Structure formats: C-alpha cells, structure tokens
C-alpha atoms as a PDB file:
ATOM      1  CA  MET A   1      68.788-115.722  95.241  1.00  0.00           C
ATOM      2  CA  LYS A   2      69.995-113.062  92.840  1.00  0.00           C
ATOM      3  CA  LYS A   3      71.705-109.999  94.320  1.00  0.00           C
ATOM      4  CA  GLN A   4      69.958-106.852  93.246  1.00  0.00           C
ATOM      5  CA  LEU A   5      71.255-103.324  93.598  1.00  0.00           C
ATOM      6  CA  THR A   6      69.342-101.609  96.348  1.00  0.00           C
ATOM      7  CA  LEU A   7      69.096 -98.034  97.495  1.00  0.00           C
ATOM      8  CA  PHE A   8      71.206 -98.974 100.502  1.00  0.00           C
ATOM      9  CA  THR A   9      74.205-100.420  98.664  1.00  0.00           C
ATOM     10  CA  PRO A  10      77.145 -98.906 100.573  1.00  0.00           C
ATOM     11  CA  GLU A  11      79.520 -99.141  97.589  1.00  0.00           C
ATOM     12  CA  LEU A  12      77.429 -96.893  95.355  1.00  0.00           C
ATOM     13  CA  PRO A  13      75.770 -93.579  96.141  1.00  0.00           C
ATOM     14  CA  LEU A  14      72.109 -93.147  95.273  1.00  0.00           C
ATOM     15  CA  THR A  15      72.889 -90.954  92.242  1.00  0.00           C
ATOM     16  CA  SER A  16      75.147 -93.659  90.786  1.00  0.00           C
ATOM     17  CA  LEU A  17      72.430 -96.268  91.199  1.00  0.00           C
ATOM     18  CA  ARG A  18      69.928 -94.042  89.423  1.00  0.00           C
ATOM     19  CA  THR A  19      72.405 -93.457  86.607  1.00  0.00           C
ATOM     20  CA  ILE A  20      73.052 -97.203  86.219  1.00  0.00           C
ATOM     21  CA  LYS A  21      69.327 -98.007  86.214  1.00  0.00           C
ATOM     22  CA  ARG A  22      68.661 -95.263  83.649  1.00  0.00           C
ATOM     23  CA  ALA A  23      71.526 -96.480  81.442  1.00  0.00           C
ATOM     24  CA  LEU A  24      70.179-100.049  81.575  1.00  0.00           C
ATOM     25  CA  SER A  25      66.721 -98.816  80.702  1.00  0.00           C
ATOM     26  CA  LEU A  26      68.035 -96.828  77.717  1.00  0.00           C
ATOM     27  CA  LEU A  27      70.152 -99.744  76.464  1.00  0.00           C
ATOM     28  CA  ASP A  28      67.238-102.175  76.806  1.00  0.00           C
ATOM     29  CA  TYR A  29      64.996 -99.779  74.885  1.00  0.00           C
ATOM     30  CA  HIS A  30      67.607 -99.144  72.180  1.00  0.00           C
ATOM     31  CA  LEU A  31      68.366-102.832  71.668  1.00  0.00           C
ATOM     32  CA  ARG A  32      64.685-103.698  71.259  1.00  0.00           C
ATOM     33  CA  GLU A  33      64.109-101.146  68.482  1.00  0.00           C
ATOM     34  CA  PRO A  34      63.461-102.705  65.055  1.00  0.00           C
ATOM     35  CA  GLY A  35      66.679-103.073  63.102  1.00  0.00           C
ATOM     36  CA  VAL A  36      69.032-102.882  66.077  1.00  0.00           C
ATOM     37  CA  ALA A  37      71.078-106.030  66.301  1.00  0.00           C
ATOM     38  CA  PHE A  38      73.779-107.571  68.472  1.00  0.00           C
ATOM     39  CA  THR A  39      76.119-107.672  65.489  1.00  0.00           C
ATOM     40  CA  SER A  40      79.187-106.390  67.299  1.00  0.00           C
ATOM     41  CA  THR A  41      80.769-107.641  70.455  1.00  0.00           C
ATOM     42  CA  GLN A  42      81.054-104.003  71.611  1.00  0.00           C
ATOM     43  CA  ALA A  43      77.264-103.533  71.754  1.00  0.00           C
ATOM     44  CA  THR A  44      76.949-106.799  73.630  1.00  0.00           C
ATOM     45  CA  ARG A  45      79.812-105.860  75.958  1.00  0.00           C
ATOM     46  CA  ASP A  46      78.273-102.506  76.884  1.00  0.00           C
ATOM     47  CA  TRP A  47      74.944-104.118  77.662  1.00  0.00           C
ATOM     48  CA  LEU A  48      76.459-106.962  79.707  1.00  0.00           C
ATOM     49  CA  ARG A  49      78.839-104.727  81.623  1.00  0.00           C
ATOM     50  CA  LEU A  50      75.878-102.834  83.027  1.00  0.00           C
ATOM     51  CA  LYS A  51      73.860-105.998  83.675  1.00  0.00           C
ATOM     52  CA  MET A  52      76.523-108.207  85.273  1.00  0.00           C
ATOM     53  CA  ALA A  53      79.585-106.281  86.464  1.00  0.00           C
ATOM     54  CA  LEU A  54      78.420-105.839  90.055  1.00  0.00           C
ATOM     55  CA  LEU A  55      77.048-109.329  90.699  1.00  0.00           C
ATOM     56  CA  GLU A  56      78.516-111.091  93.732  1.00  0.00           C
ATOM     57  CA  ARG A  57      77.746-114.651  92.569  1.00  0.00           C
ATOM     58  CA  GLU A  58      78.378-116.361  89.277  1.00  0.00           C
ATOM     59  CA  GLU A  59      75.410-116.192  86.938  1.00  0.00           C
ATOM     60  CA  PHE A  60      74.959-117.701  83.496  1.00  0.00           C
ATOM     61  CA  MET A  61      72.850-115.574  81.169  1.00  0.00           C
ATOM     62  CA  VAL A  62      71.513-116.374  77.719  1.00  0.00           C
ATOM     63  CA  LEU A  63      70.592-113.744  75.131  1.00  0.00           C
ATOM     64  CA  TYR A  64      68.110-115.123  72.591  1.00  0.00           C
ATOM     65  CA  LEU A  65      68.390-113.618  69.107  1.00  0.00           C
ATOM     66  CA  ASN A  66      66.268-113.812  65.977  1.00  0.00           C
ATOM     67  CA  GLN A  67      67.585-114.463  62.460  1.00  0.00           C
ATOM     68  CA  GLN A  68      68.783-110.835  62.180  1.00  0.00           C
ATOM     69  CA  ASN A  69      70.617-111.080  65.559  1.00  0.00           C
ATOM     70  CA  GLN A  70      68.037-108.836  67.219  1.00  0.00           C
ATOM     71  CA  LEU A  71      67.373-109.468  70.884  1.00  0.00           C
ATOM     72  CA  ILE A  72      64.191-111.470  71.495  1.00  0.00           C
ATOM     73  CA  ALA A  73      64.731-111.987  75.220  1.00  0.00           C
ATOM     74  CA  HIS A  74      67.387-112.555  77.834  1.00  0.00           C
ATOM     75  CA  GLU A  75      67.397-114.427  81.094  1.00  0.00           C
ATOM     76  CA  THR A  76      69.666-115.711  83.798  1.00  0.00           C
ATOM     77  CA  LEU A  77      69.307-119.470  83.553  1.00  0.00           C
ATOM     78  CA  PHE A  78      71.712-120.539  86.286  1.00  0.00           C
ATOM     79  CA  THR A  79      73.070-118.963  89.453  1.00  0.00           C
ATOM     80  CA  GLY A  80      75.923-120.409  91.451  1.00  0.00           C
ATOM     81  CA  SER A  81      78.452-119.537  94.110  1.00  0.00           C
ATOM     82  CA  ILE A  82      81.216-116.960  94.140  1.00  0.00           C
ATOM     83  CA  SER A  83      83.403-119.185  91.979  1.00  0.00           C
ATOM     84  CA  SER A  84      81.211-121.475  89.872  1.00  0.00           C
ATOM     85  CA  THR A  85      77.783-122.292  88.533  1.00  0.00           C
ATOM     86  CA  GLU A  86      76.411-125.490  87.064  1.00  0.00           C
ATOM     87  CA  VAL A  87      75.067-125.220  83.503  1.00  0.00           C
ATOM     88  CA  HIS A  88      72.734-127.848  82.013  1.00  0.00           C
ATOM     89  CA  PRO A  89      72.747-128.040  78.179  1.00  0.00           C
ATOM     90  CA  ARG A  90      69.264-129.608  78.099  1.00  0.00           C
ATOM     91  CA  GLU A  91      67.773-126.536  79.819  1.00  0.00           C
ATOM     92  CA  VAL A  92      69.603-124.149  77.483  1.00  0.00           C
ATOM     93  CA  VAL A  93      68.296-125.957  74.390  1.00  0.00           C
ATOM     94  CA  LYS A  94      64.780-126.091  75.840  1.00  0.00           C
ATOM     95  CA  ARG A  95      64.697-122.334  76.491  1.00  0.00           C
ATOM     96  CA  ALA A  96      66.231-121.452  73.104  1.00  0.00           C
ATOM     97  CA  LEU A  97      63.499-123.478  71.398  1.00  0.00           C
ATOM     98  CA  TYR A  98      60.846-121.864  73.604  1.00  0.00           C
ATOM     99  CA  PHE A  99      61.908-118.413  72.348  1.00  0.00           C
ATOM    100  CA  ASN A 100      62.265-119.726  68.781  1.00  0.00           C
ATOM    101  CA  ALA A 101      65.790-118.324  68.755  1.00  0.00           C
ATOM    102  CA  ALA A 102      67.957-118.533  65.657  1.00  0.00           C
ATOM    103  CA  ALA A 103      71.057-117.737  67.721  1.00  0.00           C
ATOM    104  CA  VAL A 104      72.105-117.342  71.332  1.00  0.00           C
ATOM    105  CA  ILE A 105      74.899-115.481  73.061  1.00  0.00           C
ATOM    106  CA  PHE A 106      76.106-116.811  76.384  1.00  0.00           C
ATOM    107  CA  ALA A 107      77.465-114.653  79.164  1.00  0.00           C
ATOM    108  CA  HIS A 108      78.581-115.367  82.654  1.00  0.00           C
ATOM    109  CA  ASN A 109      80.434-113.387  85.234  1.00  0.00           C
ATOM    110  CA  HIS A 110      83.497-114.054  87.310  1.00  0.00           C
ATOM    111  CA  PRO A 111      83.011-112.134  90.583  1.00  0.00           C
ATOM    112  CA  SER A 112      86.783-112.325  91.143  1.00  0.00           C
ATOM    113  CA  GLY A 113      87.260-109.953  88.197  1.00  0.00           C
ATOM    114  CA  ASP A 114      89.565-112.390  86.360  1.00  0.00           C
ATOM    115  CA  THR A 115      88.108-113.030  82.884  1.00  0.00           C
ATOM    116  CA  THR A 116      90.402-115.963  82.088  1.00  0.00           C
ATOM    117  CA  PRO A 117      88.171-118.858  80.973  1.00  0.00           C
ATOM    118  CA  SER A 118      88.559-122.025  83.015  1.00  0.00           C
ATOM    119  CA  GLN A 119      88.724-125.486  81.459  1.00  0.00           C
ATOM    120  CA  ALA A 120      85.147-125.960  82.694  1.00  0.00           C
ATOM    121  CA  ASP A 121      84.098-122.736  80.886  1.00  0.00           C
ATOM    122  CA  LYS A 122      85.645-123.990  77.639  1.00  0.00           C
ATOM    123  CA  ALA A 123      84.170-127.482  77.995  1.00  0.00           C
ATOM    124  CA  ILE A 124      80.596-126.363  78.707  1.00  0.00           C
ATOM    125  CA  THR A 125      80.749-123.882  75.841  1.00  0.00           C
ATOM    126  CA  GLN A 126      81.701-126.654  73.411  1.00  0.00           C
ATOM    127  CA  ARG A 127      78.949-128.916  74.763  1.00  0.00           C
ATOM    128  CA  LEU A 128      76.395-126.121  74.368  1.00  0.00           C
ATOM    129  CA  VAL A 129      77.532-125.301  70.819  1.00  0.00           C
ATOM    130  CA  GLN A 130      77.230-128.971  69.850  1.00  0.00           C
ATOM    131  CA  ALA A 131      73.813-129.410  71.483  1.00  0.00           C
ATOM    132  CA  LEU A 132      72.403-126.266  69.875  1.00  0.00           C
ATOM    133  CA  ALA A 133      73.839-127.157  66.464  1.00  0.00           C
ATOM    134  CA  LEU A 134      71.597-130.238  66.477  1.00  0.00           C
ATOM    135  CA  VAL A 135      68.576-127.905  66.354  1.00  0.00           C
ATOM    136  CA  ASP A 136      70.169-125.322  64.004  1.00  0.00           C
ATOM    137  CA  ILE A 137      70.769-122.621  66.612  1.00  0.00           C
ATOM    138  CA  ARG A 138      73.977-120.600  66.186  1.00  0.00           C
ATOM    139  CA  VAL A 139      76.251-119.446  69.028  1.00  0.00           C
ATOM    140  CA  PRO A 140      78.027-116.257  67.897  1.00  0.00           C
ATOM    141  CA  ASP A 141      79.793-115.695  71.216  1.00  0.00           C
ATOM    142  CA  HIS A 142      80.246-116.484  74.886  1.00  0.00           C
ATOM    143  CA  LEU A 143      81.393-113.587  77.033  1.00  0.00           C
ATOM    144  CA  ILE A 144      82.925-113.582  80.493  1.00  0.00           C
ATOM    145  CA  VAL A 145      82.304-110.440  82.545  1.00  0.00           C
ATOM    146  CA  GLY A 146      84.879-109.680  85.209  1.00  0.00           C
ATOM    147  CA  GLY A 147      84.105-106.262  86.636  1.00  0.00           C
ATOM    148  CA  ARG A 148      84.803-103.786  83.838  1.00  0.00           C
ATOM    149  CA  GLN A 149      86.714-106.331  81.732  1.00  0.00           C
ATOM    150  CA  ILE A 150      84.961-108.660  79.295  1.00  0.00           C
ATOM    151  CA  LEU A 151      86.506-111.571  77.406  1.00  0.00           C
ATOM    152  CA  SER A 152      84.959-112.745  74.120  1.00  0.00           C
ATOM    153  CA  PHE A 153      85.364-116.432  73.246  1.00  0.00           C
ATOM    154  CA  ALA A 154      84.838-115.551  69.565  1.00  0.00           C
ATOM    155  CA  GLU A 155      87.602-112.939  69.556  1.00  0.00           C
ATOM    156  CA  HIS A 156      90.012-115.365  71.227  1.00  0.00           C
ATOM    157  CA  GLY A 157      89.281-118.250  68.838  1.00  0.00           C
ATOM    158  CA  LEU A 158      87.597-120.356  71.521  1.00  0.00           C
ATOM    159  CA  LEU A 159      84.369-120.995  69.587  1.00  0.00           C
END
C-alpha cells in the first residue's frame, strides 16, 4: 500500500502539506500545457522531488511521453520494501504501448537517501532499454530520488 501524506503527518505541519500539494498541482498543470515538454532533467527533477522525496518504501514510476517529450501520463508501476522493489520489463512495455508512448522516463526512490545506483538498478535499466527498443520506445533517462538529491543515469553515462 502506498504511503500518502496525511493531515496528521507528524514530520510536516499542516501549512507545509498544503504548500506541497499546491506545488504538485501547479507542476502537474504546467507540465500538461501544450508545448511544455520534459526536455531537461531539471524539469523532471523538480517534478519528481515533490512526488517521491517523502516516500517510505521504494516505488518505481514511469513517465509516458509523446513524440515531443510531453507528458501523456505517469504511474507507479511497482512498490517494494524500504530497500528494493521488483520491476518486470513485460509490464513496463505493456503499459508504454497502452499509452502509445514514444518515450518513457523511469524514476524510483531510495528511502535511505543514498542515490548511488545499485548493480540491480543498472541491470534492470539496461533490460528495460533493450525491451523498449524492440518496440521503438526511447528511454531518455532513469532518475533515482533520494530525499532532496536526484541522480540522473543519462548525466552519469549509465544509459
């Protein structure tokens, strides 16, 4: 079950929760405007930081993009434990085709805050890139969210 921010979260006062929810709402609205695209890792980082930084379990999210890298949809496909989650390439390909995506960006969080990619992170990313390439779907990036820090596979030459 996915942890949601509630009004009774002891770590955050009510005003902070309202601010976070408002910021997410504004970012979602802005990124769905015609012509706005996920062309920079900074735009993607800002959006993901708000969506995933406070999660207590590992989650694997996919952002589905059209040919112009505009967001079609996003969803959390897999949820795991505090230190891992199992990702199934078949399900990722199936959902990307469902949304008729031209590209996808992967993101998952490390609740520990350490954004260093594990060997498993690197291996599943390569498997996903290969599987999606068979159906002509690009993978511009895979991001790891660790609290306020975010690591980009693309920027570190891991894609």
